[in-house]
Amino acid sequence: MSHVAKEKQKLLNRLKRLRGQLEAIERAVEADTECARVLQQATSCRGALDGFIAEVIEDHIREHMLDPDAPRDDPRTQAAEELVAIVHAYLT
């Protein structure tokens, strides 16, 4: 996963927050917290994981599909930017 080296700390921070959310869900289940609250926490956790996935996909697109020297109005660059926007709209 070398293409994410530049964003490694940001991704690790996301994963640490995600771990904290999972641990909170575990504590809630152990404490017999009401179902609605557990589901709310689980939904938040899923959103955090979707955000992580979107970041990794975006980094991959920018690292492996874009030519850094291409102009912004290059059709491939525009298509890649549209793809990044679609991924973020779908996952976040």
PDB file of N, CA and C in Angstrom:
ATOM      1  N   MET A   1       0.829  -1.177   0.000  1.00  0.00           N
ATOM      2  CA  MET A   1       0.000   0.000   0.000  1.00  0.00           C
ATOM      3  C   MET A   1       0.878   1.247   0.000  1.00  0.00           C
ATOM      4  N   SER A   2       1.926   1.229  -0.759  1.00  0.00           N
ATOM      5  CA  SER A   2       2.877   2.338  -0.760  1.00  0.00           C
ATOM      6  C   SER A   2       2.270   3.634  -1.274  1.00  0.00           C
ATOM      7  N   HIS A   3       1.200   3.546  -2.058  1.00  0.00           N
ATOM      8  CA  HIS A   3       0.624   4.766  -2.608  1.00  0.00           C
ATOM      9  C   HIS A   3      -0.018   5.651  -1.551  1.00  0.00           C
ATOM     10  N   VAL A   4      -0.171   5.163  -0.338  1.00  0.00           N
ATOM     11  CA  VAL A   4      -0.767   5.984   0.708  1.00  0.00           C
ATOM     12  C   VAL A   4       0.277   6.507   1.691  1.00  0.00           C
ATOM     13  N   ALA A   5       1.542   6.346   1.373  1.00  0.00           N
ATOM     14  CA  ALA A   5       2.603   6.755   2.296  1.00  0.00           C
ATOM     15  C   ALA A   5       2.484   8.225   2.685  1.00  0.00           C
ATOM     16  N   LYS A   6       2.113   9.075   1.734  1.00  0.00           N
ATOM     17  CA  LYS A   6       1.982  10.509   2.016  1.00  0.00           C
ATOM     18  C   LYS A   6       0.854  10.792   2.999  1.00  0.00           C
ATOM     19  N   GLU A   7      -0.147   9.965   2.976  1.00  0.00           N
ATOM     20  CA  GLU A   7      -1.326  10.174   3.806  1.00  0.00           C
ATOM     21  C   GLU A   7      -1.385   9.209   4.985  1.00  0.00           C
ATOM     22  N   LYS A   8      -0.288   8.554   5.256  1.00  0.00           N
ATOM     23  CA  LYS A   8      -0.260   7.484   6.259  1.00  0.00           C
ATOM     24  C   LYS A   8      -0.756   7.943   7.628  1.00  0.00           C
ATOM     25  N   GLN A   9      -0.274   9.056   8.131  1.00  0.00           N
ATOM     26  CA  GLN A   9      -0.670   9.501   9.465  1.00  0.00           C
ATOM     27  C   GLN A   9      -2.148   9.826   9.525  1.00  0.00           C
ATOM     28  N   LYS A  10      -2.656  10.460   8.481  1.00  0.00           N
ATOM     29  CA  LYS A  10      -4.082  10.782   8.434  1.00  0.00           C
ATOM     30  C   LYS A  10      -4.915   9.498   8.482  1.00  0.00           C
ATOM     31  N   LEU A  11      -4.494   8.484   7.729  1.00  0.00           N
ATOM     32  CA  LEU A  11      -5.224   7.217   7.716  1.00  0.00           C
ATOM     33  C   LEU A  11      -5.116   6.501   9.059  1.00  0.00           C
ATOM     34  N   LEU A  12      -3.934   6.532   9.652  1.00  0.00           N
ATOM     35  CA  LEU A  12      -3.769   5.899  10.964  1.00  0.00           C
ATOM     36  C   LEU A  12      -4.637   6.579  12.024  1.00  0.00           C
ATOM     37  N   ASN A  13      -4.746   7.894  11.962  1.00  0.00           N
ATOM     38  CA  ASN A  13      -5.611   8.617  12.900  1.00  0.00           C
ATOM     39  C   ASN A  13      -7.077   8.215  12.718  1.00  0.00           C
ATOM     40  N   ARG A  14      -7.492   8.059  11.469  1.00  0.00           N
ATOM     41  CA  ARG A  14      -8.864   7.599  11.205  1.00  0.00           C
ATOM     42  C   ARG A  14      -9.091   6.216  11.804  1.00  0.00           C
ATOM     43  N   LEU A  15      -8.115   5.339  11.635  1.00  0.00           N
ATOM     44  CA  LEU A  15      -8.251   3.979  12.158  1.00  0.00           C
ATOM     45  C   LEU A  15      -8.292   3.966  13.683  1.00  0.00           C
ATOM     46  N   LYS A  16      -7.536   4.835  14.314  1.00  0.00           N
ATOM     47  CA  LYS A  16      -7.568   4.913  15.780  1.00  0.00           C
ATOM     48  C   LYS A  16      -8.935   5.380  16.272  1.00  0.00           C
ATOM     49  N   ARG A  17      -9.524   6.355  15.582  1.00  0.00           N
ATOM     50  CA  ARG A  17     -10.872   6.799  15.948  1.00  0.00           C
ATOM     51  C   ARG A  17     -11.878   5.675  15.729  1.00  0.00           C
ATOM     52  N   LEU A  18     -11.700   4.957  14.645  1.00  0.00           N
ATOM     53  CA  LEU A  18     -12.589   3.828  14.343  1.00  0.00           C
ATOM     54  C   LEU A  18     -12.482   2.754  15.422  1.00  0.00           C
ATOM     55  N   ARG A  19     -11.260   2.465  15.857  1.00  0.00           N
ATOM     56  CA  ARG A  19     -11.064   1.495  16.936  1.00  0.00           C
ATOM     57  C   ARG A  19     -11.790   1.950  18.199  1.00  0.00           C
ATOM     58  N   GLY A  20     -11.699   3.229  18.518  1.00  0.00           N
ATOM     59  CA  GLY A  20     -12.394   3.774  19.674  1.00  0.00           C
ATOM     60  C   GLY A  20     -13.906   3.628  19.555  1.00  0.00           C
ATOM     61  N   GLN A  21     -14.424   3.838  18.354  1.00  0.00           N
ATOM     62  CA  GLN A  21     -15.857   3.675  18.140  1.00  0.00           C
ATOM     63  C   GLN A  21     -16.276   2.212  18.317  1.00  0.00           C
ATOM     64  N   LEU A  22     -15.473   1.294  17.802  1.00  0.00           N
ATOM     65  CA  LEU A  22     -15.783  -0.133  17.963  1.00  0.00           C
ATOM     66  C   LEU A  22     -15.755  -0.534  19.437  1.00  0.00           C
ATOM     67  N   GLU A  23     -14.779  -0.027  20.168  1.00  0.00           N
ATOM     68  CA  GLU A  23     -14.697  -0.331  21.592  1.00  0.00           C
ATOM     69  C   GLU A  23     -15.910   0.233  22.343  1.00  0.00           C
ATOM     70  N   ALA A  24     -16.393   1.390  21.921  1.00  0.00           N
ATOM     71  CA  ALA A  24     -17.576   1.972  22.551  1.00  0.00           C
ATOM     72  C   ALA A  24     -18.813   1.109  22.285  1.00  0.00           C
ATOM     73  N   ILE A  25     -18.904   0.567  21.093  1.00  0.00           N
ATOM     74  CA  ILE A  25     -20.019  -0.340  20.781  1.00  0.00           C
ATOM     75  C   ILE A  25     -19.926  -1.586  21.652  1.00  0.00           C
ATOM     76  N   GLU A  26     -18.728  -2.118  21.779  1.00  0.00           N
ATOM     77  CA  GLU A  26     -18.537  -3.309  22.616  1.00  0.00           C
ATOM     78  C   GLU A  26     -18.960  -3.030  24.062  1.00  0.00           C
ATOM     79  N   ARG A  27     -18.544  -1.879  24.598  1.00  0.00           N
ATOM     80  CA  ARG A  27     -18.924  -1.525  25.967  1.00  0.00           C
ATOM     81  C   ARG A  27     -20.441  -1.369  26.093  1.00  0.00           C
ATOM     82  N   ALA A  28     -21.055  -0.793  25.075  1.00  0.00           N
ATOM     83  CA  ALA A  28     -22.507  -0.602  25.110  1.00  0.00           C
ATOM     84  C   ALA A  28     -23.237  -1.938  25.115  1.00  0.00           C
ATOM     85  N   VAL A  29     -22.771  -2.889  24.329  1.00  0.00           N
ATOM     86  CA  VAL A  29     -23.397  -4.214  24.298  1.00  0.00           C
ATOM     87  C   VAL A  29     -23.199  -4.914  25.643  1.00  0.00           C
ATOM     88  N   GLU A  30     -21.981  -4.818  26.180  1.00  0.00           N
ATOM     89  CA  GLU A  30     -21.716  -5.441  27.483  1.00  0.00           C
ATOM     90  C   GLU A  30     -22.579  -4.840  28.585  1.00  0.00           C
ATOM     91  N   ALA A  31     -22.904  -3.567  28.457  1.00  0.00           N
ATOM     92  CA  ALA A  31     -23.687  -2.867  29.480  1.00  0.00           C
ATOM     93  C   ALA A  31     -25.195  -2.961  29.223  1.00  0.00           C
ATOM     94  N   ASP A  32     -25.580  -3.772  28.224  1.00  0.00           N
ATOM     95  CA  ASP A  32     -27.003  -3.915  27.882  1.00  0.00           C
ATOM     96  C   ASP A  32     -27.670  -2.581  27.563  1.00  0.00           C
ATOM     97  N   THR A  33     -26.940  -1.732  26.859  1.00  0.00           N
ATOM     98  CA  THR A  33     -27.480  -0.447  26.422  1.00  0.00           C
ATOM     99  C   THR A  33     -28.629  -0.701  25.454  1.00  0.00           C
ATOM    100  N   GLU A  34     -29.584   0.222  25.432  1.00  0.00           N
ATOM    101  CA  GLU A  34     -30.751   0.031  24.561  1.00  0.00           C
ATOM    102  C   GLU A  34     -30.337  -0.096  23.098  1.00  0.00           C
ATOM    103  N   CYS A  35     -31.110  -0.864  22.359  1.00  0.00           N
ATOM    104  CA  CYS A  35     -30.788  -1.198  20.969  1.00  0.00           C
ATOM    105  C   CYS A  35     -30.600   0.040  20.092  1.00  0.00           C
ATOM    106  N   ALA A  36     -31.462   1.031  20.266  1.00  0.00           N
ATOM    107  CA  ALA A  36     -31.386   2.228  19.429  1.00  0.00           C
ATOM    108  C   ALA A  36     -30.037   2.928  19.583  1.00  0.00           C
ATOM    109  N   ARG A  37     -29.534   2.992  20.804  1.00  0.00           N
ATOM    110  CA  ARG A  37     -28.233   3.634  21.056  1.00  0.00           C
ATOM    111  C   ARG A  37     -27.099   2.824  20.435  1.00  0.00           C
ATOM    112  N   VAL A  38     -27.154   1.506  20.561  1.00  0.00           N
ATOM    113  CA  VAL A  38     -26.120   0.647  19.967  1.00  0.00           C
ATOM    114  C   VAL A  38     -26.134   0.791  18.441  1.00  0.00           C
ATOM    115  N   LEU A  39     -27.330   0.796  17.863  1.00  0.00           N
ATOM    116  CA  LEU A  39     -27.431   0.957  16.411  1.00  0.00           C
ATOM    117  C   LEU A  39     -26.913   2.314  15.958  1.00  0.00           C
ATOM    118  N   GLN A  40     -27.159   3.337  16.748  1.00  0.00           N
ATOM    119  CA  GLN A  40     -26.653   4.669  16.413  1.00  0.00           C
ATOM    120  C   GLN A  40     -25.121   4.660  16.405  1.00  0.00           C
ATOM    121  N   GLN A  41     -24.527   4.025  17.401  1.00  0.00           N
ATOM    122  CA  GLN A  41     -23.059   3.929  17.456  1.00  0.00           C
ATOM    123  C   GLN A  41     -22.524   3.096  16.286  1.00  0.00           C
ATOM    124  N   ALA A  42     -23.216   2.021  15.963  1.00  0.00           N
ATOM    125  CA  ALA A  42     -22.773   1.168  14.855  1.00  0.00           C
ATOM    126  C   ALA A  42     -22.843   1.919  13.526  1.00  0.00           C
ATOM    127  N   THR A  43     -23.880   2.711  13.355  1.00  0.00           N
ATOM    128  CA  THR A  43     -24.015   3.509  12.132  1.00  0.00           C
ATOM    129  C   THR A  43     -22.891   4.534  12.029  1.00  0.00           C
ATOM    130  N   SER A  44     -22.544   5.146  13.140  1.00  0.00           N
ATOM    131  CA  SER A  44     -21.424   6.092  13.147  1.00  0.00           C
ATOM    132  C   SER A  44     -20.123   5.390  12.779  1.00  0.00           C
ATOM    133  N   CYS A  45     -19.950   4.196  13.289  1.00  0.00           N
ATOM    134  CA  CYS A  45     -18.751   3.413  12.998  1.00  0.00           C
ATOM    135  C   CYS A  45     -18.686   3.063  11.508  1.00  0.00           C
ATOM    136  N   ARG A  46     -19.821   2.673  10.948  1.00  0.00           N
ATOM    137  CA  ARG A  46     -19.871   2.353   9.518  1.00  0.00           C
ATOM    138  C   ARG A  46     -19.517   3.582   8.691  1.00  0.00           C
ATOM    139  N   GLY A  47     -20.012   4.748   9.098  1.00  0.00           N
ATOM    140  CA  GLY A  47     -19.678   5.983   8.396  1.00  0.00           C
ATOM    141  C   GLY A  47     -18.185   6.278   8.441  1.00  0.00           C
ATOM    142  N   ALA A  48     -17.584   6.028   9.591  1.00  0.00           N
ATOM    143  CA  ALA A  48     -16.140   6.242   9.725  1.00  0.00           C
ATOM    144  C   ALA A  48     -15.359   5.293   8.826  1.00  0.00           C
ATOM    145  N   LEU A  49     -15.791   4.049   8.748  1.00  0.00           N
ATOM    146  CA  LEU A  49     -15.116   3.084   7.879  1.00  0.00           C
ATOM    147  C   LEU A  49     -15.304   3.463   6.414  1.00  0.00           C
ATOM    148  N   ASP A  50     -16.500   3.904   6.050  1.00  0.00           N
ATOM    149  CA  ASP A  50     -16.724   4.357   4.668  1.00  0.00           C
ATOM    150  C   ASP A  50     -15.819   5.535   4.332  1.00  0.00           C
ATOM    151  N   GLY A  51     -15.626   6.448   5.275  1.00  0.00           N
ATOM    152  CA  GLY A  51     -14.727   7.577   5.051  1.00  0.00           C
ATOM    153  C   GLY A  51     -13.296   7.127   4.854  1.00  0.00           C
ATOM    154  N   PHE A  52     -12.873   6.141   5.628  1.00  0.00           N
ATOM    155  CA  PHE A  52     -11.525   5.584   5.465  1.00  0.00           C
ATOM    156  C   PHE A  52     -11.376   4.965   4.069  1.00  0.00           C
ATOM    157  N   ILE A  53     -12.354   4.186   3.666  1.00  0.00           N
ATOM    158  CA  ILE A  53     -12.311   3.542   2.351  1.00  0.00           C
ATOM    159  C   ILE A  53     -12.259   4.597   1.247  1.00  0.00           C
ATOM    160  N   ALA A  54     -13.060   5.641   1.366  1.00  0.00           N
ATOM    161  CA  ALA A  54     -13.062   6.706   0.361  1.00  0.00           C
ATOM    162  C   ALA A  54     -11.694   7.374   0.261  1.00  0.00           C
ATOM    163  N   GLU A  55     -11.044   7.604   1.387  1.00  0.00           N
ATOM    164  CA  GLU A  55      -9.716   8.221   1.370  1.00  0.00           C
ATOM    165  C   GLU A  55      -8.696   7.330   0.669  1.00  0.00           C
ATOM    166  N   VAL A  56      -8.729   6.027   0.945  1.00  0.00           N
ATOM    167  CA  VAL A  56      -7.776   5.112   0.313  1.00  0.00           C
ATOM    168  C   VAL A  56      -8.022   5.058  -1.196  1.00  0.00           C
ATOM    169  N   ILE A  57      -9.290   5.009  -1.614  1.00  0.00           N
ATOM    170  CA  ILE A  57      -9.607   4.994  -3.044  1.00  0.00           C
ATOM    171  C   ILE A  57      -9.136   6.290  -3.701  1.00  0.00           C
ATOM    172  N   GLU A  58      -9.405   7.421  -3.055  1.00  0.00           N
ATOM    173  CA  GLU A  58      -8.967   8.701  -3.616  1.00  0.00           C
ATOM    174  C   GLU A  58      -7.450   8.744  -3.765  1.00  0.00           C
ATOM    175  N   ASP A  59      -6.731   8.325  -2.744  1.00  0.00           N
ATOM    176  CA  ASP A  59      -5.270   8.306  -2.817  1.00  0.00           C
ATOM    177  C   ASP A  59      -4.799   7.412  -3.958  1.00  0.00           C
ATOM    178  N   HIS A  60      -5.455   6.272  -4.134  1.00  0.00           N
ATOM    179  CA  HIS A  60      -5.078   5.344  -5.209  1.00  0.00           C
ATOM    180  C   HIS A  60      -5.299   5.996  -6.580  1.00  0.00           C
ATOM    181  N   ILE A  61      -6.437   6.624  -6.759  1.00  0.00           N
ATOM    182  CA  ILE A  61      -6.736   7.282  -8.034  1.00  0.00           C
ATOM    183  C   ILE A  61      -5.707   8.363  -8.320  1.00  0.00           C
ATOM    184  N   ARG A  62      -5.433   9.189  -7.336  1.00  0.00           N
ATOM    185  CA  ARG A  62      -4.500  10.299  -7.553  1.00  0.00           C
ATOM    186  C   ARG A  62      -3.069   9.806  -7.789  1.00  0.00           C
ATOM    187  N   GLU A  63      -2.682   8.723  -7.146  1.00  0.00           N
ATOM    188  CA  GLU A  63      -1.309   8.220  -7.263  1.00  0.00           C
ATOM    189  C   GLU A  63      -1.090   7.388  -8.524  1.00  0.00           C
ATOM    190  N   HIS A  64      -2.083   6.594  -8.913  1.00  0.00           N
ATOM    191  CA  HIS A  64      -1.865   5.625  -9.986  1.00  0.00           C
ATOM    192  C   HIS A  64      -2.582   5.931 -11.293  1.00  0.00           C
ATOM    193  N   MET A  65      -3.534   6.846 -11.265  1.00  0.00           N
ATOM    194  CA  MET A  65      -4.305   7.097 -12.476  1.00  0.00           C
ATOM    195  C   MET A  65      -4.082   8.489 -13.055  1.00  0.00           C
ATOM    196  N   LEU A  66      -3.515   9.368 -12.283  1.00  0.00           N
ATOM    197  CA  LEU A  66      -3.315  10.738 -12.746  1.00  0.00           C
ATOM    198  C   LEU A  66      -1.850  11.005 -13.059  1.00  0.00           C
ATOM    199  N   ASP A  67      -1.644  11.744 -14.106  1.00  0.00           N
ATOM    200  CA  ASP A  67      -0.309  12.224 -14.443  1.00  0.00           C
ATOM    201  C   ASP A  67      -0.130  13.570 -13.748  1.00  0.00           C
ATOM    202  N   PRO A  68       0.815  13.659 -12.808  1.00  0.00           N
ATOM    203  CA  PRO A  68       0.968  14.917 -12.066  1.00  0.00           C
ATOM    204  C   PRO A  68       1.346  16.105 -12.948  1.00  0.00           C
ATOM    205  N   ASP A  69       1.884  15.833 -14.141  1.00  0.00           N
ATOM    206  CA  ASP A  69       2.279  16.908 -15.039  1.00  0.00           C
ATOM    207  C   ASP A  69       1.177  17.299 -16.025  1.00  0.00           C
ATOM    208  N   ALA A  70       0.067  16.569 -16.026  1.00  0.00           N
ATOM    209  CA  ALA A  70      -1.026  16.868 -16.959  1.00  0.00           C
ATOM    210  C   ALA A  70      -1.757  18.130 -16.508  1.00  0.00           C
ATOM    211  N   PRO A  71      -2.211  18.915 -17.466  1.00  0.00           N
ATOM    212  CA  PRO A  71      -2.974  20.111 -17.102  1.00  0.00           C
ATOM    213  C   PRO A  71      -4.328  19.732 -16.494  1.00  0.00           C
ATOM    214  N   ARG A  72      -4.873  20.641 -15.693  1.00  0.00           N
ATOM    215  CA  ARG A  72      -6.152  20.365 -15.011  1.00  0.00           C
ATOM    216  C   ARG A  72      -7.299  20.167 -16.004  1.00  0.00           C
ATOM    217  N   ASP A  73      -7.175  20.727 -17.199  1.00  0.00           N
ATOM    218  CA  ASP A  73      -8.261  20.579 -18.170  1.00  0.00           C
ATOM    219  C   ASP A  73      -8.093  19.336 -19.053  1.00  0.00           C
ATOM    220  N   ASP A  74      -7.100  18.508 -18.742  1.00  0.00           N
ATOM    221  CA  ASP A  74      -6.911  17.244 -19.462  1.00  0.00           C
ATOM    222  C   ASP A  74      -8.133  16.354 -19.212  1.00  0.00           C
ATOM    223  N   PRO A  75      -8.699  15.730 -20.252  1.00  0.00           N
ATOM    224  CA  PRO A  75      -9.889  14.896 -20.070  1.00  0.00           C
ATOM    225  C   PRO A  75      -9.703  13.762 -19.054  1.00  0.00           C
ATOM    226  N   ARG A  76      -8.526  13.154 -19.027  1.00  0.00           N
ATOM    227  CA  ARG A  76      -8.285  12.072 -18.050  1.00  0.00           C
ATOM    228  C   ARG A  76      -8.257  12.620 -16.626  1.00  0.00           C
ATOM    229  N   THR A  77      -7.664  13.778 -16.463  1.00  0.00           N
ATOM    230  CA  THR A  77      -7.625  14.406 -15.147  1.00  0.00           C
ATOM    231  C   THR A  77      -9.037  14.756 -14.690  1.00  0.00           C
ATOM    232  N   GLN A  78      -9.818  15.316 -15.587  1.00  0.00           N
ATOM    233  CA  GLN A  78     -11.193  15.666 -15.243  1.00  0.00           C
ATOM    234  C   GLN A  78     -12.008  14.413 -14.901  1.00  0.00           C
ATOM    235  N   ALA A  79     -11.809  13.330 -15.661  1.00  0.00           N
ATOM    236  CA  ALA A  79     -12.533  12.094 -15.391  1.00  0.00           C
ATOM    237  C   ALA A  79     -12.140  11.525 -14.028  1.00  0.00           C
ATOM    238  N   ALA A  80     -10.861  11.578 -13.693  1.00  0.00           N
ATOM    239  CA  ALA A  80     -10.399  11.073 -12.399  1.00  0.00           C
ATOM    240  C   ALA A  80     -10.976  11.911 -11.262  1.00  0.00           C
ATOM    241  N   GLU A  81     -11.018  13.219 -11.441  1.00  0.00           N
ATOM    242  CA  GLU A  81     -11.594  14.099 -10.416  1.00  0.00           C
ATOM    243  C   GLU A  81     -13.083  13.818 -10.237  1.00  0.00           C
ATOM    244  N   GLU A  82     -13.787  13.554 -11.344  1.00  0.00           N
ATOM    245  CA  GLU A  82     -15.201  13.197 -11.253  1.00  0.00           C
ATOM    246  C   GLU A  82     -15.371  11.883 -10.497  1.00  0.00           C
ATOM    247  N   LEU A  83     -14.483  10.930 -10.753  1.00  0.00           N
ATOM    248  CA  LEU A  83     -14.543   9.645 -10.061  1.00  0.00           C
ATOM    249  C   LEU A  83     -14.323   9.826  -8.558  1.00  0.00           C
ATOM    250  N   VAL A  84     -13.367  10.648  -8.198  1.00  0.00           N
ATOM    251  CA  VAL A  84     -13.120  10.938  -6.774  1.00  0.00           C
ATOM    252  C   VAL A  84     -14.377  11.541  -6.148  1.00  0.00           C
ATOM    253  N   ALA A  85     -15.013  12.469  -6.841  1.00  0.00           N
ATOM    254  CA  ALA A  85     -16.234  13.098  -6.318  1.00  0.00           C
ATOM    255  C   ALA A  85     -17.353  12.067  -6.153  1.00  0.00           C
ATOM    256  N   ILE A  86     -17.484  11.148  -7.107  1.00  0.00           N
ATOM    257  CA  ILE A  86     -18.513  10.108  -7.023  1.00  0.00           C
ATOM    258  C   ILE A  86     -18.245   9.196  -5.836  1.00  0.00           C
ATOM    259  N   VAL A  87     -16.991   8.790  -5.658  1.00  0.00           N
ATOM    260  CA  VAL A  87     -16.634   7.916  -4.526  1.00  0.00           C
ATOM    261  C   VAL A  87     -16.990   8.603  -3.216  1.00  0.00           C
ATOM    262  N   HIS A  88     -16.630   9.865  -3.081  1.00  0.00           N
ATOM    263  CA  HIS A  88     -16.930  10.598  -1.844  1.00  0.00           C
ATOM    264  C   HIS A  88     -18.439  10.771  -1.646  1.00  0.00           C
ATOM    265  N   ALA A  89     -19.160  11.019  -2.733  1.00  0.00           N
ATOM    266  CA  ALA A  89     -20.612  11.176  -2.609  1.00  0.00           C
ATOM    267  C   ALA A  89     -21.268   9.866  -2.190  1.00  0.00           C
ATOM    268  N   TYR A  90     -20.756   8.764  -2.681  1.00  0.00           N
ATOM    269  CA  TYR A  90     -21.340   7.465  -2.367  1.00  0.00           C
ATOM    270  C   TYR A  90     -20.953   6.968  -0.988  1.00  0.00           C
ATOM    271  N   LEU A  91     -19.719   7.194  -0.581  1.00  0.00           N
ATOM    272  CA  LEU A  91     -19.218   6.597   0.657  1.00  0.00           C
ATOM    273  C   LEU A  91     -19.231   7.539   1.860  1.00  0.00           C
ATOM    274  N   THR A  92     -19.349   8.838   1.636  1.00  0.00           N
ATOM    275  CA  THR A  92     -19.292   9.730   2.797  1.00  0.00           C
ATOM    276  C   THR A  92     -20.557  10.554   2.912  1.00  0.00           C
TER     277      THR A  92
END
